[in-house]
């Protein structure tokens, strides 16, 4: 199988409008404590996830939630940049989306 080349420039994509980021349900931080602080003082922002040219990233757990209250957790391993994708689960309903 031939190797795929990485894009030569930045790649920008968007999640569907029905998907939201939220803190994982188990109370863990989204990003490890060694990550730099968020650029904004706004409480709605978390520390940024950093991706480096070497393939490394910040250690992090991310949870995505859709309109029907299905969630999935993604774990990023900083040293390797590997992403582990959890199971899709339906959780208790939240208030309606804006």
C-alpha atoms as a PDB file:
ATOM      1  CA  UNK A   1       0.000   0.000   0.000  1.00  0.00           C
ATOM      2  CA  UNK A   2       1.515   3.382  -0.964  1.00  0.00           C
ATOM      3  CA  UNK A   3       2.070   5.968   1.744  1.00  0.00           C
ATOM      4  CA  UNK A   4      -0.123   9.056   1.691  1.00  0.00           C
ATOM      5  CA  UNK A   5       1.616  12.403   1.792  1.00  0.00           C
ATOM      6  CA  UNK A   6       0.680  14.915   4.455  1.00  0.00           C
ATOM      7  CA  UNK A   7      -0.921  18.150   3.214  1.00  0.00           C
ATOM      8  CA  UNK A   8       1.682  20.810   2.465  1.00  0.00           C
ATOM      9  CA  UNK A   9      -0.283  23.573   4.181  1.00  0.00           C
ATOM     10  CA  UNK A  10      -2.878  24.046   6.895  1.00  0.00           C
ATOM     11  CA  UNK A  11      -6.025  21.931   6.708  1.00  0.00           C
ATOM     12  CA  UNK A  12      -9.265  23.478   7.898  1.00  0.00           C
ATOM     13  CA  UNK A  13     -12.445  21.466   8.329  1.00  0.00           C
ATOM     14  CA  UNK A  14     -15.593  21.916  10.411  1.00  0.00           C
ATOM     15  CA  UNK A  15     -17.812  19.614  12.459  1.00  0.00           C
ATOM     16  CA  UNK A  16     -21.508  19.459  11.585  1.00  0.00           C
ATOM     17  CA  UNK A  17     -23.463  22.221  13.339  1.00  0.00           C
ATOM     18  CA  UNK A  18     -25.289  19.609  15.472  1.00  0.00           C
ATOM     19  CA  UNK A  19     -22.026  18.470  17.139  1.00  0.00           C
ATOM     20  CA  UNK A  20     -20.636  20.254  20.212  1.00  0.00           C
ATOM     21  CA  UNK A  21     -17.427  19.935  22.226  1.00  0.00           C
ATOM     22  CA  UNK A  22     -17.866  19.393  25.953  1.00  0.00           C
ATOM     23  CA  UNK A  23     -15.841  18.274  28.945  1.00  0.00           C
ATOM     24  CA  UNK A  24     -15.752  14.499  29.407  1.00  0.00           C
ATOM     25  CA  UNK A  25     -18.419  13.245  31.813  1.00  0.00           C
ATOM     26  CA  UNK A  26     -15.876  11.800  34.239  1.00  0.00           C
ATOM     27  CA  UNK A  27     -14.616  15.226  35.315  1.00  0.00           C
ATOM     28  CA  UNK A  28     -11.211  14.947  33.615  1.00  0.00           C
ATOM     29  CA  UNK A  29      -9.574  18.011  32.120  1.00  0.00           C
ATOM     30  CA  UNK A  30      -9.734  18.415  28.370  1.00  0.00           C
ATOM     31  CA  UNK A  31      -6.000  19.153  28.148  1.00  0.00           C
ATOM     32  CA  UNK A  32      -3.118  18.230  30.451  1.00  0.00           C
ATOM     33  CA  UNK A  33      -1.925  20.693  33.064  1.00  0.00           C
ATOM     34  CA  UNK A  34       1.389  21.266  31.221  1.00  0.00           C
ATOM     35  CA  UNK A  35      -0.400  22.880  28.270  1.00  0.00           C
ATOM     36  CA  UNK A  36      -0.280  26.669  27.952  1.00  0.00           C
ATOM     37  CA  UNK A  37      -3.241  28.642  29.271  1.00  0.00           C
ATOM     38  CA  UNK A  38      -6.008  29.674  26.924  1.00  0.00           C
ATOM     39  CA  UNK A  39      -5.416  32.901  25.040  1.00  0.00           C
ATOM     40  CA  UNK A  40      -8.700  34.340  26.282  1.00  0.00           C
ATOM     41  CA  UNK A  41      -9.838  35.104  29.809  1.00  0.00           C
ATOM     42  CA  UNK A  42     -13.327  33.997  28.704  1.00  0.00           C
ATOM     43  CA  UNK A  43     -14.498  31.034  30.825  1.00  0.00           C
ATOM     44  CA  UNK A  44     -16.040  29.380  27.732  1.00  0.00           C
ATOM     45  CA  UNK A  45     -12.587  28.667  26.274  1.00  0.00           C
ATOM     46  CA  UNK A  46     -10.294  25.805  27.246  1.00  0.00           C
ATOM     47  CA  UNK A  47      -6.555  25.556  26.793  1.00  0.00           C
ATOM     48  CA  UNK A  48      -5.644  24.937  23.127  1.00  0.00           C
ATOM     49  CA  UNK A  49      -4.689  21.541  21.757  1.00  0.00           C
ATOM     50  CA  UNK A  50      -1.264  21.837  20.205  1.00  0.00           C
ATOM     51  CA  UNK A  51      -0.091  19.730  17.252  1.00  0.00           C
ATOM     52  CA  UNK A  52       3.612  19.822  16.375  1.00  0.00           C
ATOM     53  CA  UNK A  53       5.437  19.057  13.084  1.00  0.00           C
ATOM     54  CA  UNK A  54       7.112  16.068  14.807  1.00  0.00           C
ATOM     55  CA  UNK A  55       3.694  14.385  15.143  1.00  0.00           C
ATOM     56  CA  UNK A  56       3.416  15.035  18.869  1.00  0.00           C
ATOM     57  CA  UNK A  57       0.442  16.772  20.463  1.00  0.00           C
ATOM     58  CA  UNK A  58      -0.982  17.708  23.863  1.00  0.00           C
ATOM     59  CA  UNK A  59      -2.297  14.867  26.046  1.00  0.00           C
ATOM     60  CA  UNK A  60      -6.035  15.416  25.993  1.00  0.00           C
ATOM     61  CA  UNK A  61      -9.520  13.921  26.259  1.00  0.00           C
ATOM     62  CA  UNK A  62     -12.281  15.390  24.136  1.00  0.00           C
ATOM     63  CA  UNK A  63     -15.967  14.567  24.206  1.00  0.00           C
ATOM     64  CA  UNK A  64     -18.292  15.326  21.304  1.00  0.00           C
ATOM     65  CA  UNK A  65     -22.093  15.440  21.740  1.00  0.00           C
ATOM     66  CA  UNK A  66     -24.781  15.409  19.067  1.00  0.00           C
ATOM     67  CA  UNK A  67     -28.404  16.567  19.132  1.00  0.00           C
ATOM     68  CA  UNK A  68     -29.820  13.178  20.153  1.00  0.00           C
ATOM     69  CA  UNK A  69     -27.492  13.078  23.177  1.00  0.00           C
ATOM     70  CA  UNK A  70     -25.057  10.612  21.707  1.00  0.00           C
ATOM     71  CA  UNK A  71     -21.484  11.196  22.864  1.00  0.00           C
ATOM     72  CA  UNK A  72     -18.087   9.887  21.877  1.00  0.00           C
ATOM     73  CA  UNK A  73     -14.770  10.424  23.631  1.00  0.00           C
ATOM     74  CA  UNK A  74     -11.462  10.916  21.850  1.00  0.00           C
ATOM     75  CA  UNK A  75      -8.132  10.542  23.668  1.00  0.00           C
ATOM     76  CA  UNK A  76      -4.959  12.108  22.287  1.00  0.00           C
ATOM     77  CA  UNK A  77      -1.595  10.708  23.364  1.00  0.00           C
ATOM     78  CA  UNK A  78       0.982  13.484  23.362  1.00  0.00           C
ATOM     79  CA  UNK A  79       4.170  11.520  22.681  1.00  0.00           C
ATOM     80  CA  UNK A  80       2.890   9.727  19.582  1.00  0.00           C
ATOM     81  CA  UNK A  81      -0.009  11.910  18.466  1.00  0.00           C
ATOM     82  CA  UNK A  82      -2.179   8.771  18.420  1.00  0.00           C
ATOM     83  CA  UNK A  83      -5.946   9.182  18.804  1.00  0.00           C
ATOM     84  CA  UNK A  84      -8.080   6.563  20.547  1.00  0.00           C
ATOM     85  CA  UNK A  85     -11.776   6.683  19.695  1.00  0.00           C
ATOM     86  CA  UNK A  86     -14.221   5.476  22.353  1.00  0.00           C
ATOM     87  CA  UNK A  87     -17.634   3.879  21.890  1.00  0.00           C
ATOM     88  CA  UNK A  88     -20.627   5.943  20.866  1.00  0.00           C
ATOM     89  CA  UNK A  89     -22.989   6.121  23.837  1.00  0.00           C
ATOM     90  CA  UNK A  90     -26.326   7.774  24.490  1.00  0.00           C
ATOM     91  CA  UNK A  91     -26.411   9.750  27.727  1.00  0.00           C
ATOM     92  CA  UNK A  92     -29.034  11.651  29.693  1.00  0.00           C
ATOM     93  CA  UNK A  93     -30.730  14.469  27.838  1.00  0.00           C
ATOM     94  CA  UNK A  94     -29.514  18.012  28.212  1.00  0.00           C
ATOM     95  CA  UNK A  95     -31.292  21.255  27.594  1.00  0.00           C
ATOM     96  CA  UNK A  96     -32.121  22.071  23.980  1.00  0.00           C
ATOM     97  CA  UNK A  97     -29.400  23.350  21.649  1.00  0.00           C
ATOM     98  CA  UNK A  98     -29.411  27.054  20.941  1.00  0.00           C
END
